């Protein structure tokens, strides 16, 4: 095993933990080769692995995020114009909150502060879809190549979506109270290193409490798929034999609510059962970007026509990416 494979499998993937849990369950007399024992092993392994990675990633990302409060983020974005502003906005979204619902208040603040609408939408798309945490977790399951491509296409969707909205001049479809709110910046005093560490620690506890229930649900669903649902069912519905698998996965993902940490165990189980890679990633993108609760929140800030355009751009982009990934998988993996 090469150094990179060791890092990916044993450090990020924590395969040693899976083996350890398997030995422990076997000592208890549980058959890990059976459905019930396999489900327990899958559940314990994924919950512990994702929890450890989650807490570590939240701490690191929150520490980085402490350098980019709304005031500073707005100043950074205000220096750029055109597609350059969309690119910076999408990149800035990678170091901000972990789900679409927590990104929308920042989107409202940026829009009310006078930033171009297309720029703020690039941020709104990239923030839940692509973040540093998703990159690391995706690498732990799918490998570096797939993880990097996922992040790249997510950024492309964010940049393209914001640019389209900007070119269509949709400002009149933002609710009036947002446009007339004026400058909503807050003071952002310089923090000491100890204050940044304290902030990061607080974010770990706060985010973990909100996210952990979705991890349990996601891992539970993944355990059922992994050990109880016949492989031929998954292959029939989401495999290469169904040309509409990507569309179906996207439509199923939209009404759900979770973040990347809750969807990855489901994706891992689907991949093991023979679902196509692009179909799985389309499902993940739909869940994290277009969840029903976040769309309800966004409707309070924008009018139906702009909301429909946003959903249409994201859905179309996600479906396109899903099919491109399936082609990539067929040709190169």
C-alpha atoms as a PDB file:
ATOM      1  CA  UNK A   1       0.000   0.000   0.000  1.00  0.00           C
ATOM      2  CA  UNK A   2       1.387   3.378  -1.048  1.00  0.00           C
ATOM      3  CA  UNK A   3       1.612   6.364   1.255  1.00  0.00           C
ATOM      4  CA  UNK A   4      -1.398   8.101  -0.304  1.00  0.00           C
ATOM      5  CA  UNK A   5      -3.520   4.945  -0.221  1.00  0.00           C
ATOM      6  CA  UNK A   6      -2.602   4.491   3.442  1.00  0.00           C
ATOM      7  CA  UNK A   7      -3.589   8.096   4.220  1.00  0.00           C
ATOM      8  CA  UNK A   8      -6.869   7.777   2.319  1.00  0.00           C
ATOM      9  CA  UNK A   9      -7.880   4.367   3.703  1.00  0.00           C
ATOM     10  CA  UNK A  10      -6.458   4.309   7.218  1.00  0.00           C
ATOM     11  CA  UNK A  11      -6.430   8.011   8.177  1.00  0.00           C
ATOM     12  CA  UNK A  12      -9.386   9.527   6.325  1.00  0.00           C
ATOM     13  CA  UNK A  13     -11.348   6.310   5.808  1.00  0.00           C
ATOM     14  CA  UNK A  14     -10.401   4.909   9.243  1.00  0.00           C
ATOM     15  CA  UNK A  15     -10.588   1.342   7.928  1.00  0.00           C
ATOM     16  CA  UNK A  16      -8.711   0.221  11.032  1.00  0.00           C
ATOM     17  CA  UNK A  17     -11.749   1.287  13.057  1.00  0.00           C
ATOM     18  CA  UNK A  18     -14.035  -0.903  10.950  1.00  0.00           C
ATOM     19  CA  UNK A  19     -11.774  -3.908  11.523  1.00  0.00           C
ATOM     20  CA  UNK A  20     -11.615  -3.167  15.255  1.00  0.00           C
ATOM     21  CA  UNK A  21     -15.407  -2.919  15.547  1.00  0.00           C
ATOM     22  CA  UNK A  22     -15.763  -6.159  13.579  1.00  0.00           C
ATOM     23  CA  UNK A  23     -13.430  -7.999  15.973  1.00  0.00           C
ATOM     24  CA  UNK A  24     -15.249  -6.564  18.997  1.00  0.00           C
ATOM     25  CA  UNK A  25     -18.668  -7.631  17.701  1.00  0.00           C
ATOM     26  CA  UNK A  26     -17.305 -11.079  16.863  1.00  0.00           C
ATOM     27  CA  UNK A  27     -16.041 -11.453  20.444  1.00  0.00           C
ATOM     28  CA  UNK A  28     -19.582 -10.710  21.588  1.00  0.00           C
ATOM     29  CA  UNK A  29     -20.819 -13.567  19.445  1.00  0.00           C
ATOM     30  CA  UNK A  30     -22.397 -11.356  16.749  1.00  0.00           C
ATOM     31  CA  UNK A  31     -22.085 -12.646  13.191  1.00  0.00           C
ATOM     32  CA  UNK A  32     -20.835  -9.616  11.246  1.00  0.00           C
ATOM     33  CA  UNK A  33     -21.288 -11.571   8.021  1.00  0.00           C
ATOM     34  CA  UNK A  34     -25.042 -11.652   8.563  1.00  0.00           C
ATOM     35  CA  UNK A  35     -27.535  -8.883   7.874  1.00  0.00           C
ATOM     36  CA  UNK A  36     -28.102  -7.936  11.498  1.00  0.00           C
ATOM     37  CA  UNK A  37     -24.444  -8.040  12.526  1.00  0.00           C
ATOM     38  CA  UNK A  38     -23.359  -6.302   9.329  1.00  0.00           C
ATOM     39  CA  UNK A  39     -25.867  -3.514   9.974  1.00  0.00           C
ATOM     40  CA  UNK A  40     -24.540  -2.997  13.505  1.00  0.00           C
ATOM     41  CA  UNK A  41     -20.948  -2.892  12.260  1.00  0.00           C
ATOM     42  CA  UNK A  42     -21.824  -0.426   9.473  1.00  0.00           C
ATOM     43  CA  UNK A  43     -23.779   1.789  11.875  1.00  0.00           C
ATOM     44  CA  UNK A  44     -21.121   1.925  14.609  1.00  0.00           C
ATOM     45  CA  UNK A  45     -18.252   2.411  12.157  1.00  0.00           C
ATOM     46  CA  UNK A  46     -19.878   5.220  10.161  1.00  0.00           C
ATOM     47  CA  UNK A  47     -21.258   7.071  13.195  1.00  0.00           C
ATOM     48  CA  UNK A  48     -17.883   7.079  14.969  1.00  0.00           C
ATOM     49  CA  UNK A  49     -15.897   7.874  11.795  1.00  0.00           C
ATOM     50  CA  UNK A  50     -18.124  10.724  10.669  1.00  0.00           C
ATOM     51  CA  UNK A  51     -18.381  12.139  14.202  1.00  0.00           C
ATOM     52  CA  UNK A  52     -14.587  12.240  14.631  1.00  0.00           C
ATOM     53  CA  UNK A  53     -14.032  13.784  11.196  1.00  0.00           C
ATOM     54  CA  UNK A  54     -16.950  16.172  11.681  1.00  0.00           C
ATOM     55  CA  UNK A  55     -15.685  17.602  14.962  1.00  0.00           C
ATOM     56  CA  UNK A  56     -12.146  17.959  13.642  1.00  0.00           C
ATOM     57  CA  UNK A  57     -13.298  19.605  10.414  1.00  0.00           C
ATOM     58  CA  UNK A  58     -15.727  21.977  12.130  1.00  0.00           C
ATOM     59  CA  UNK A  59     -12.944  23.128  14.440  1.00  0.00           C
ATOM     60  CA  UNK A  60     -10.515  23.783  11.584  1.00  0.00           C
ATOM     61  CA  UNK A  61     -13.074  25.396   9.289  1.00  0.00           C
ATOM     62  CA  UNK A  62     -14.548  27.533  12.078  1.00  0.00           C
ATOM     63  CA  UNK A  63     -11.085  28.792  12.948  1.00  0.00           C
ATOM     64  CA  UNK A  64     -10.595  29.778   9.293  1.00  0.00           C
ATOM     65  CA  UNK A  65     -14.098  31.238   9.202  1.00  0.00           C
ATOM     66  CA  UNK A  66     -13.276  33.509  12.159  1.00  0.00           C
ATOM     67  CA  UNK A  67     -11.174  35.527   9.713  1.00  0.00           C
ATOM     68  CA  UNK A  68     -14.183  36.033   7.416  1.00  0.00           C
ATOM     69  CA  UNK A  69     -17.092  37.593   9.368  1.00  0.00           C
ATOM     70  CA  UNK A  70     -19.908  39.152   7.296  1.00  0.00           C
ATOM     71  CA  UNK A  71     -18.287  42.603   7.365  1.00  0.00           C
ATOM     72  CA  UNK A  72     -14.973  41.362   6.000  1.00  0.00           C
ATOM     73  CA  UNK A  73     -16.617  39.005   3.511  1.00  0.00           C
ATOM     74  CA  UNK A  74     -18.648  41.881   2.098  1.00  0.00           C
ATOM     75  CA  UNK A  75     -15.531  44.020   1.740  1.00  0.00           C
ATOM     76  CA  UNK A  76     -13.718  41.212  -0.062  1.00  0.00           C
ATOM     77  CA  UNK A  77     -16.599  40.638  -2.469  1.00  0.00           C
ATOM     78  CA  UNK A  78     -17.013  44.376  -3.046  1.00  0.00           C
ATOM     79  CA  UNK A  79     -13.533  44.599  -4.569  1.00  0.00           C
ATOM     80  CA  UNK A  80     -14.396  42.351  -7.508  1.00  0.00           C
ATOM     81  CA  UNK A  81     -16.700  42.796 -10.475  1.00  0.00           C
ATOM     82  CA  UNK A  82     -18.142  40.631 -13.226  1.00  0.00           C
ATOM     83  CA  UNK A  83     -17.486  36.915 -13.275  1.00  0.00           C
ATOM     84  CA  UNK A  84     -14.445  37.446 -11.026  1.00  0.00           C
ATOM     85  CA  UNK A  85     -16.839  38.441  -8.237  1.00  0.00           C
ATOM     86  CA  UNK A  86     -18.873  35.268  -8.820  1.00  0.00           C
ATOM     87  CA  UNK A  87     -15.729  33.141  -8.610  1.00  0.00           C
ATOM     88  CA  UNK A  88     -14.588  34.763  -5.356  1.00  0.00           C
ATOM     89  CA  UNK A  89     -18.106  34.506  -3.925  1.00  0.00           C
ATOM     90  CA  UNK A  90     -18.310  30.796  -4.756  1.00  0.00           C
ATOM     91  CA  UNK A  91     -14.882  30.186  -3.206  1.00  0.00           C
ATOM     92  CA  UNK A  92     -15.877  32.161  -0.113  1.00  0.00           C
ATOM     93  CA  UNK A  93     -18.883  29.872   0.240  1.00  0.00           C
ATOM     94  CA  UNK A  94     -16.536  26.946   0.855  1.00  0.00           C
ATOM     95  CA  UNK A  95     -15.494  28.308   4.274  1.00  0.00           C
ATOM     96  CA  UNK A  96     -18.982  29.227   5.489  1.00  0.00           C
ATOM     97  CA  UNK A  97     -21.861  27.286   7.177  1.00  0.00           C
ATOM     98  CA  UNK A  98     -22.538  23.631   6.510  1.00  0.00           C
ATOM     99  CA  UNK A  99     -26.141  23.654   5.304  1.00  0.00           C
ATOM    100  CA  UNK A 100     -28.369  25.735   3.048  1.00  0.00           C
ATOM    101  CA  UNK A 101     -30.613  26.973   5.888  1.00  0.00           C
ATOM    102  CA  UNK A 102     -27.686  28.580   7.711  1.00  0.00           C
ATOM    103  CA  UNK A 103     -26.384  30.122   4.476  1.00  0.00           C
ATOM    104  CA  UNK A 104     -29.613  31.973   3.659  1.00  0.00           C
ATOM    105  CA  UNK A 105     -29.327  34.587   6.463  1.00  0.00           C
ATOM    106  CA  UNK A 106     -25.869  35.501   5.139  1.00  0.00           C
ATOM    107  CA  UNK A 107     -27.286  35.669   1.607  1.00  0.00           C
ATOM    108  CA  UNK A 108     -29.996  38.055   2.831  1.00  0.00           C
ATOM    109  CA  UNK A 109     -27.417  40.176   4.643  1.00  0.00           C
ATOM    110  CA  UNK A 110     -25.139  40.422   1.615  1.00  0.00           C
ATOM    111  CA  UNK A 111     -28.061  41.284  -0.698  1.00  0.00           C
ATOM    112  CA  UNK A 112     -29.381  43.917   1.718  1.00  0.00           C
ATOM    113  CA  UNK A 113     -25.899  45.408   1.974  1.00  0.00           C
ATOM    114  CA  UNK A 114     -25.940  46.126  -1.766  1.00  0.00           C
ATOM    115  CA  UNK A 115     -23.818  43.351  -3.251  1.00  0.00           C
ATOM    116  CA  UNK A 116     -24.827  42.301  -6.805  1.00  0.00           C
ATOM    117  CA  UNK A 117     -27.575  39.682  -6.822  1.00  0.00           C
ATOM    118  CA  UNK A 118     -25.657  37.250  -9.007  1.00  0.00           C
ATOM    119  CA  UNK A 119     -22.688  37.382  -6.654  1.00  0.00           C
ATOM    120  CA  UNK A 120     -24.825  36.597  -3.620  1.00  0.00           C
ATOM    121  CA  UNK A 121     -26.483  33.684  -5.433  1.00  0.00           C
ATOM    122  CA  UNK A 122     -23.087  32.202  -6.326  1.00  0.00           C
ATOM    123  CA  UNK A 123     -22.390  32.254  -2.591  1.00  0.00           C
ATOM    124  CA  UNK A 124     -25.786  30.744  -1.765  1.00  0.00           C
ATOM    125  CA  UNK A 125     -25.251  27.821  -4.157  1.00  0.00           C
ATOM    126  CA  UNK A 126     -21.664  26.994  -3.230  1.00  0.00           C
ATOM    127  CA  UNK A 127     -21.980  27.329   0.551  1.00  0.00           C
ATOM    128  CA  UNK A 128     -24.056  24.177   1.193  1.00  0.00           C
ATOM    129  CA  UNK A 129     -22.988  22.251  -1.902  1.00  0.00           C
ATOM    130  CA  UNK A 130     -19.210  22.604  -1.636  1.00  0.00           C
ATOM    131  CA  UNK A 131     -17.185  23.067   1.545  1.00  0.00           C
ATOM    132  CA  UNK A 132     -13.860  21.940   2.923  1.00  0.00           C
ATOM    133  CA  UNK A 133     -15.572  19.352   5.099  1.00  0.00           C
ATOM    134  CA  UNK A 134     -17.296  17.712   2.137  1.00  0.00           C
ATOM    135  CA  UNK A 135     -13.970  17.532   0.288  1.00  0.00           C
ATOM    136  CA  UNK A 136     -12.311  15.591   3.109  1.00  0.00           C
ATOM    137  CA  UNK A 137     -15.261  13.263   3.726  1.00  0.00           C
ATOM    138  CA  UNK A 138     -15.717  12.558   0.027  1.00  0.00           C
ATOM    139  CA  UNK A 139     -12.015  11.732  -0.230  1.00  0.00           C
ATOM    140  CA  UNK A 140     -12.410   9.243   2.625  1.00  0.00           C
ATOM    141  CA  UNK A 141     -15.036   7.284   0.675  1.00  0.00           C
ATOM    142  CA  UNK A 142     -14.741   7.977  -3.051  1.00  0.00           C
ATOM    143  CA  UNK A 143     -11.073   8.902  -3.361  1.00  0.00           C
ATOM    144  CA  UNK A 144      -9.255  12.140  -4.165  1.00  0.00           C
ATOM    145  CA  UNK A 145     -10.072  12.181  -7.890  1.00  0.00           C
ATOM    146  CA  UNK A 146     -13.841  12.001  -7.418  1.00  0.00           C
ATOM    147  CA  UNK A 147     -13.798  14.420  -4.458  1.00  0.00           C
ATOM    148  CA  UNK A 148     -11.855  17.082  -6.354  1.00  0.00           C
ATOM    149  CA  UNK A 149     -14.091  16.754  -9.414  1.00  0.00           C
ATOM    150  CA  UNK A 150     -17.180  17.029  -7.200  1.00  0.00           C
ATOM    151  CA  UNK A 151     -15.877  20.271  -5.678  1.00  0.00           C
ATOM    152  CA  UNK A 152     -14.886  21.644  -9.087  1.00  0.00           C
ATOM    153  CA  UNK A 153     -18.270  21.006 -10.710  1.00  0.00           C
ATOM    154  CA  UNK A 154     -20.037  22.358  -7.623  1.00  0.00           C
ATOM    155  CA  UNK A 155     -18.109  25.605  -7.970  1.00  0.00           C
ATOM    156  CA  UNK A 156     -18.897  25.703 -11.701  1.00  0.00           C
ATOM    157  CA  UNK A 157     -22.628  25.366 -10.971  1.00  0.00           C
ATOM    158  CA  UNK A 158     -22.380  28.161  -8.391  1.00  0.00           C
ATOM    159  CA  UNK A 159     -20.477  30.487 -10.715  1.00  0.00           C
ATOM    160  CA  UNK A 160     -22.663  29.735 -13.740  1.00  0.00           C
ATOM    161  CA  UNK A 161     -25.896  30.042 -11.735  1.00  0.00           C
ATOM    162  CA  UNK A 162     -24.930  33.392 -10.243  1.00  0.00           C
ATOM    163  CA  UNK A 163     -23.787  34.700 -13.627  1.00  0.00           C
ATOM    164  CA  UNK A 164     -27.072  33.726 -15.316  1.00  0.00           C
ATOM    165  CA  UNK A 165     -29.117  35.411 -12.584  1.00  0.00           C
ATOM    166  CA  UNK A 166     -26.929  38.522 -12.865  1.00  0.00           C
ATOM    167  CA  UNK A 167     -27.343  38.709 -16.664  1.00  0.00           C
ATOM    168  CA  UNK A 168     -31.131  38.376 -16.402  1.00  0.00           C
ATOM    169  CA  UNK A 169     -31.322  41.405 -14.026  1.00  0.00           C
ATOM    170  CA  UNK A 170     -33.652  39.759 -11.510  1.00  0.00           C
ATOM    171  CA  UNK A 171     -33.321  42.423  -8.791  1.00  0.00           C
ATOM    172  CA  UNK A 172     -37.007  43.342  -9.047  1.00  0.00           C
ATOM    173  CA  UNK A 173     -37.881  39.840  -7.865  1.00  0.00           C
ATOM    174  CA  UNK A 174     -36.172  40.308  -4.506  1.00  0.00           C
ATOM    175  CA  UNK A 175     -38.606  41.177  -1.714  1.00  0.00           C
ATOM    176  CA  UNK A 176     -38.739  44.922  -1.068  1.00  0.00           C
ATOM    177  CA  UNK A 177     -37.833  44.709   2.597  1.00  0.00           C
ATOM    178  CA  UNK A 178     -34.498  43.090   1.630  1.00  0.00           C
ATOM    179  CA  UNK A 179     -33.577  45.790  -0.875  1.00  0.00           C
ATOM    180  CA  UNK A 180     -34.530  48.631   1.470  1.00  0.00           C
ATOM    181  CA  UNK A 181     -32.818  47.194   4.519  1.00  0.00           C
ATOM    182  CA  UNK A 182     -29.652  49.173   3.819  1.00  0.00           C
ATOM    183  CA  UNK A 183     -26.314  48.272   5.299  1.00  0.00           C
ATOM    184  CA  UNK A 184     -26.692  45.370   7.688  1.00  0.00           C
ATOM    185  CA  UNK A 185     -23.026  44.896   8.524  1.00  0.00           C
ATOM    186  CA  UNK A 186     -21.943  44.142  12.048  1.00  0.00           C
ATOM    187  CA  UNK A 187     -18.709  45.149  13.693  1.00  0.00           C
ATOM    188  CA  UNK A 188     -15.903  42.659  13.267  1.00  0.00           C
ATOM    189  CA  UNK A 189     -13.202  43.446  15.804  1.00  0.00           C
ATOM    190  CA  UNK A 190      -9.858  41.713  15.590  1.00  0.00           C
ATOM    191  CA  UNK A 191      -9.775  38.517  17.594  1.00  0.00           C
ATOM    192  CA  UNK A 192      -6.841  37.066  19.460  1.00  0.00           C
ATOM    193  CA  UNK A 193      -5.702  33.508  18.795  1.00  0.00           C
ATOM    194  CA  UNK A 194      -7.281  32.301  22.051  1.00  0.00           C
ATOM    195  CA  UNK A 195     -10.564  33.985  21.102  1.00  0.00           C
ATOM    196  CA  UNK A 196     -10.492  32.306  17.685  1.00  0.00           C
ATOM    197  CA  UNK A 197      -9.817  28.930  19.320  1.00  0.00           C
ATOM    198  CA  UNK A 198     -12.688  29.532  21.736  1.00  0.00           C
ATOM    199  CA  UNK A 199     -14.970  30.461  18.827  1.00  0.00           C
ATOM    200  CA  UNK A 200     -13.964  27.308  16.935  1.00  0.00           C
ATOM    201  CA  UNK A 201     -14.616  25.160  20.014  1.00  0.00           C
ATOM    202  CA  UNK A 202     -18.059  26.731  20.491  1.00  0.00           C
ATOM    203  CA  UNK A 203     -18.874  26.097  16.822  1.00  0.00           C
ATOM    204  CA  UNK A 204     -17.951  22.427  17.235  1.00  0.00           C
ATOM    205  CA  UNK A 205     -20.481  21.956  20.055  1.00  0.00           C
ATOM    206  CA  UNK A 206     -23.148  24.111  18.412  1.00  0.00           C
ATOM    207  CA  UNK A 207     -22.907  22.538  14.955  1.00  0.00           C
ATOM    208  CA  UNK A 208     -22.511  19.006  16.295  1.00  0.00           C
ATOM    209  CA  UNK A 209     -25.754  19.275  18.294  1.00  0.00           C
ATOM    210  CA  UNK A 210     -27.625  20.346  15.157  1.00  0.00           C
ATOM    211  CA  UNK A 211     -26.001  17.895  12.767  1.00  0.00           C
ATOM    212  CA  UNK A 212     -25.680  14.711  14.845  1.00  0.00           C
ATOM    213  CA  UNK A 213     -29.365  13.658  14.569  1.00  0.00           C
ATOM    214  CA  UNK A 214     -29.044  13.771  10.767  1.00  0.00           C
ATOM    215  CA  UNK A 215     -25.883  11.675  10.971  1.00  0.00           C
ATOM    216  CA  UNK A 216     -27.760   9.021  12.951  1.00  0.00           C
ATOM    217  CA  UNK A 217     -30.649   9.026  10.468  1.00  0.00           C
ATOM    218  CA  UNK A 218     -28.315   8.999   7.468  1.00  0.00           C
ATOM    219  CA  UNK A 219     -26.177   6.171   8.825  1.00  0.00           C
ATOM    220  CA  UNK A 220     -29.299   4.245   9.804  1.00  0.00           C
ATOM    221  CA  UNK A 221     -30.663   4.506   6.265  1.00  0.00           C
ATOM    222  CA  UNK A 222     -27.259   3.576   4.922  1.00  0.00           C
ATOM    223  CA  UNK A 223     -27.108   0.475   7.140  1.00  0.00           C
ATOM    224  CA  UNK A 224     -30.511  -0.670   5.886  1.00  0.00           C
ATOM    225  CA  UNK A 225     -29.518  -0.123   2.247  1.00  0.00           C
ATOM    226  CA  UNK A 226     -26.130  -1.772   2.771  1.00  0.00           C
ATOM    227  CA  UNK A 227     -27.377  -4.957   4.435  1.00  0.00           C
ATOM    228  CA  UNK A 228     -31.100  -5.394   3.777  1.00  0.00           C
ATOM    229  CA  UNK A 229     -32.013  -4.043   0.323  1.00  0.00           C
ATOM    230  CA  UNK A 230     -31.138  -6.453  -2.510  1.00  0.00           C
ATOM    231  CA  UNK A 231     -28.389  -5.226  -4.813  1.00  0.00           C
ATOM    232  CA  UNK A 232     -30.495  -5.860  -7.920  1.00  0.00           C
ATOM    233  CA  UNK A 233     -33.108  -3.372  -6.705  1.00  0.00           C
ATOM    234  CA  UNK A 234     -30.564  -0.557  -6.433  1.00  0.00           C
ATOM    235  CA  UNK A 235     -29.005  -1.465  -9.777  1.00  0.00           C
ATOM    236  CA  UNK A 236     -32.433  -1.478 -11.446  1.00  0.00           C
ATOM    237  CA  UNK A 237     -33.474   1.905 -10.027  1.00  0.00           C
ATOM    238  CA  UNK A 238     -30.178   3.813  -9.879  1.00  0.00           C
ATOM    239  CA  UNK A 239     -27.835   1.729 -12.028  1.00  0.00           C
ATOM    240  CA  UNK A 240     -26.817   2.113 -15.661  1.00  0.00           C
ATOM    241  CA  UNK A 241     -29.879   0.183 -16.841  1.00  0.00           C
ATOM    242  CA  UNK A 242     -32.136   3.105 -15.877  1.00  0.00           C
ATOM    243  CA  UNK A 243     -31.444   6.194 -18.042  1.00  0.00           C
ATOM    244  CA  UNK A 244     -33.641   8.290 -15.741  1.00  0.00           C
ATOM    245  CA  UNK A 245     -31.767   7.348 -12.551  1.00  0.00           C
ATOM    246  CA  UNK A 246     -30.053  10.742 -12.230  1.00  0.00           C
ATOM    247  CA  UNK A 247     -33.333  12.622 -12.622  1.00  0.00           C
ATOM    248  CA  UNK A 248     -35.079  10.328 -10.133  1.00  0.00           C
ATOM    249  CA  UNK A 249     -32.281  10.692  -7.565  1.00  0.00           C
ATOM    250  CA  UNK A 250     -32.346  14.491  -7.906  1.00  0.00           C
ATOM    251  CA  UNK A 251     -36.123  14.704  -7.492  1.00  0.00           C
ATOM    252  CA  UNK A 252     -36.033  12.369  -4.467  1.00  0.00           C
ATOM    253  CA  UNK A 253     -33.269  14.438  -2.861  1.00  0.00           C
ATOM    254  CA  UNK A 254     -34.981  17.840  -3.183  1.00  0.00           C
ATOM    255  CA  UNK A 255     -37.669  17.467  -0.464  1.00  0.00           C
ATOM    256  CA  UNK A 256     -35.207  15.986   2.038  1.00  0.00           C
ATOM    257  CA  UNK A 257     -33.240  18.001   4.577  1.00  0.00           C
ATOM    258  CA  UNK A 258     -29.728  17.106   5.619  1.00  0.00           C
ATOM    259  CA  UNK A 259     -26.212  18.294   5.077  1.00  0.00           C
ATOM    260  CA  UNK A 260     -23.234  16.614   3.476  1.00  0.00           C
ATOM    261  CA  UNK A 261     -22.463  14.706   6.695  1.00  0.00           C
ATOM    262  CA  UNK A 262     -25.896  13.091   6.763  1.00  0.00           C
ATOM    263  CA  UNK A 263     -25.989  12.167   3.064  1.00  0.00           C
ATOM    264  CA  UNK A 264     -22.535  10.590   2.768  1.00  0.00           C
ATOM    265  CA  UNK A 265     -23.452   7.325   4.632  1.00  0.00           C
ATOM    266  CA  UNK A 266     -26.438   6.889   2.303  1.00  0.00           C
ATOM    267  CA  UNK A 267     -24.205   7.560  -0.700  1.00  0.00           C
ATOM    268  CA  UNK A 268     -21.619   5.079   0.574  1.00  0.00           C
ATOM    269  CA  UNK A 269     -24.240   2.339   0.881  1.00  0.00           C
ATOM    270  CA  UNK A 270     -25.743   3.083  -2.544  1.00  0.00           C
ATOM    271  CA  UNK A 271     -22.305   2.939  -4.172  1.00  0.00           C
ATOM    272  CA  UNK A 272     -21.597  -0.450  -2.561  1.00  0.00           C
ATOM    273  CA  UNK A 273     -24.907  -1.735  -3.949  1.00  0.00           C
ATOM    274  CA  UNK A 274     -24.120  -0.798  -7.545  1.00  0.00           C
ATOM    275  CA  UNK A 275     -25.693   2.648  -7.985  1.00  0.00           C
ATOM    276  CA  UNK A 276     -23.895   4.831 -10.526  1.00  0.00           C
ATOM    277  CA  UNK A 277     -21.517   7.438  -9.185  1.00  0.00           C
ATOM    278  CA  UNK A 278     -23.117  10.401 -10.968  1.00  0.00           C
ATOM    279  CA  UNK A 279     -26.560   9.359  -9.760  1.00  0.00           C
ATOM    280  CA  UNK A 280     -25.319   9.254  -6.155  1.00  0.00           C
ATOM    281  CA  UNK A 281     -23.610  12.647  -6.376  1.00  0.00           C
ATOM    282  CA  UNK A 282     -26.731  14.187  -7.962  1.00  0.00           C
ATOM    283  CA  UNK A 283     -28.728  12.933  -4.976  1.00  0.00           C
ATOM    284  CA  UNK A 284     -26.204  14.443  -2.543  1.00  0.00           C
ATOM    285  CA  UNK A 285     -26.160  17.803  -4.323  1.00  0.00           C
ATOM    286  CA  UNK A 286     -29.968  17.966  -4.442  1.00  0.00           C
ATOM    287  CA  UNK A 287     -30.323  17.206  -0.722  1.00  0.00           C
ATOM    288  CA  UNK A 288     -27.714  19.764   0.385  1.00  0.00           C
ATOM    289  CA  UNK A 289     -28.640  22.579  -2.029  1.00  0.00           C
ATOM    290  CA  UNK A 290     -32.390  22.341  -2.649  1.00  0.00           C
ATOM    291  CA  UNK A 291     -33.880  21.017   0.581  1.00  0.00           C
ATOM    292  CA  UNK A 292     -37.533  21.961   1.126  1.00  0.00           C
ATOM    293  CA  UNK A 293     -36.945  23.863   4.417  1.00  0.00           C
ATOM    294  CA  UNK A 294     -34.256  26.033   2.830  1.00  0.00           C
ATOM    295  CA  UNK A 295     -36.510  26.806  -0.151  1.00  0.00           C
ATOM    296  CA  UNK A 296     -39.258  27.904   2.247  1.00  0.00           C
ATOM    297  CA  UNK A 297     -36.777  30.214   3.969  1.00  0.00           C
ATOM    298  CA  UNK A 298     -35.522  31.575   0.649  1.00  0.00           C
ATOM    299  CA  UNK A 299     -39.103  32.303  -0.470  1.00  0.00           C
ATOM    300  CA  UNK A 300     -39.316  34.870   2.332  1.00  0.00           C
ATOM    301  CA  UNK A 301     -36.458  36.783   0.673  1.00  0.00           C
ATOM    302  CA  UNK A 302     -37.227  36.415  -3.046  1.00  0.00           C
ATOM    303  CA  UNK A 303     -40.356  36.343  -5.171  1.00  0.00           C
ATOM    304  CA  UNK A 304     -41.660  33.138  -6.825  1.00  0.00           C
ATOM    305  CA  UNK A 305     -40.189  33.854 -10.275  1.00  0.00           C
ATOM    306  CA  UNK A 306     -36.633  34.257  -8.919  1.00  0.00           C
ATOM    307  CA  UNK A 307     -37.063  31.258  -6.617  1.00  0.00           C
ATOM    308  CA  UNK A 308     -38.217  29.133  -9.566  1.00  0.00           C
ATOM    309  CA  UNK A 309     -35.237  30.304 -11.632  1.00  0.00           C
ATOM    310  CA  UNK A 310     -32.851  29.436  -8.800  1.00  0.00           C
ATOM    311  CA  UNK A 311     -34.368  25.962  -8.400  1.00  0.00           C
ATOM    312  CA  UNK A 312     -34.342  25.430 -12.171  1.00  0.00           C
ATOM    313  CA  UNK A 313     -30.688  26.429 -12.554  1.00  0.00           C
ATOM    314  CA  UNK A 314     -29.569  24.246  -9.647  1.00  0.00           C
ATOM    315  CA  UNK A 315     -31.692  21.266 -10.698  1.00  0.00           C
ATOM    316  CA  UNK A 316     -30.546  21.478 -14.318  1.00  0.00           C
ATOM    317  CA  UNK A 317     -26.912  21.826 -13.266  1.00  0.00           C
ATOM    318  CA  UNK A 318     -27.130  18.910 -10.830  1.00  0.00           C
ATOM    319  CA  UNK A 319     -28.759  16.608 -13.406  1.00  0.00           C
ATOM    320  CA  UNK A 320     -26.152  17.571 -16.026  1.00  0.00           C
ATOM    321  CA  UNK A 321     -23.334  16.907 -13.574  1.00  0.00           C
ATOM    322  CA  UNK A 322     -24.887  13.548 -12.654  1.00  0.00           C
ATOM    323  CA  UNK A 323     -24.934  12.355 -16.257  1.00  0.00           C
ATOM    324  CA  UNK A 324     -21.405  13.664 -16.903  1.00  0.00           C
ATOM    325  CA  UNK A 325     -20.143  11.783 -13.845  1.00  0.00           C
ATOM    326  CA  UNK A 326     -21.822   8.598 -15.053  1.00  0.00           C
ATOM    327  CA  UNK A 327     -20.076   8.976 -18.397  1.00  0.00           C
ATOM    328  CA  UNK A 328     -16.795   9.646 -16.569  1.00  0.00           C
ATOM    329  CA  UNK A 329     -17.295   6.518 -14.465  1.00  0.00           C
ATOM    330  CA  UNK A 330     -18.044   4.411 -17.536  1.00  0.00           C
ATOM    331  CA  UNK A 331     -14.977   5.633 -19.427  1.00  0.00           C
ATOM    332  CA  UNK A 332     -12.317   5.976 -16.742  1.00  0.00           C
ATOM    333  CA  UNK A 333     -13.232   4.113 -13.521  1.00  0.00           C
END
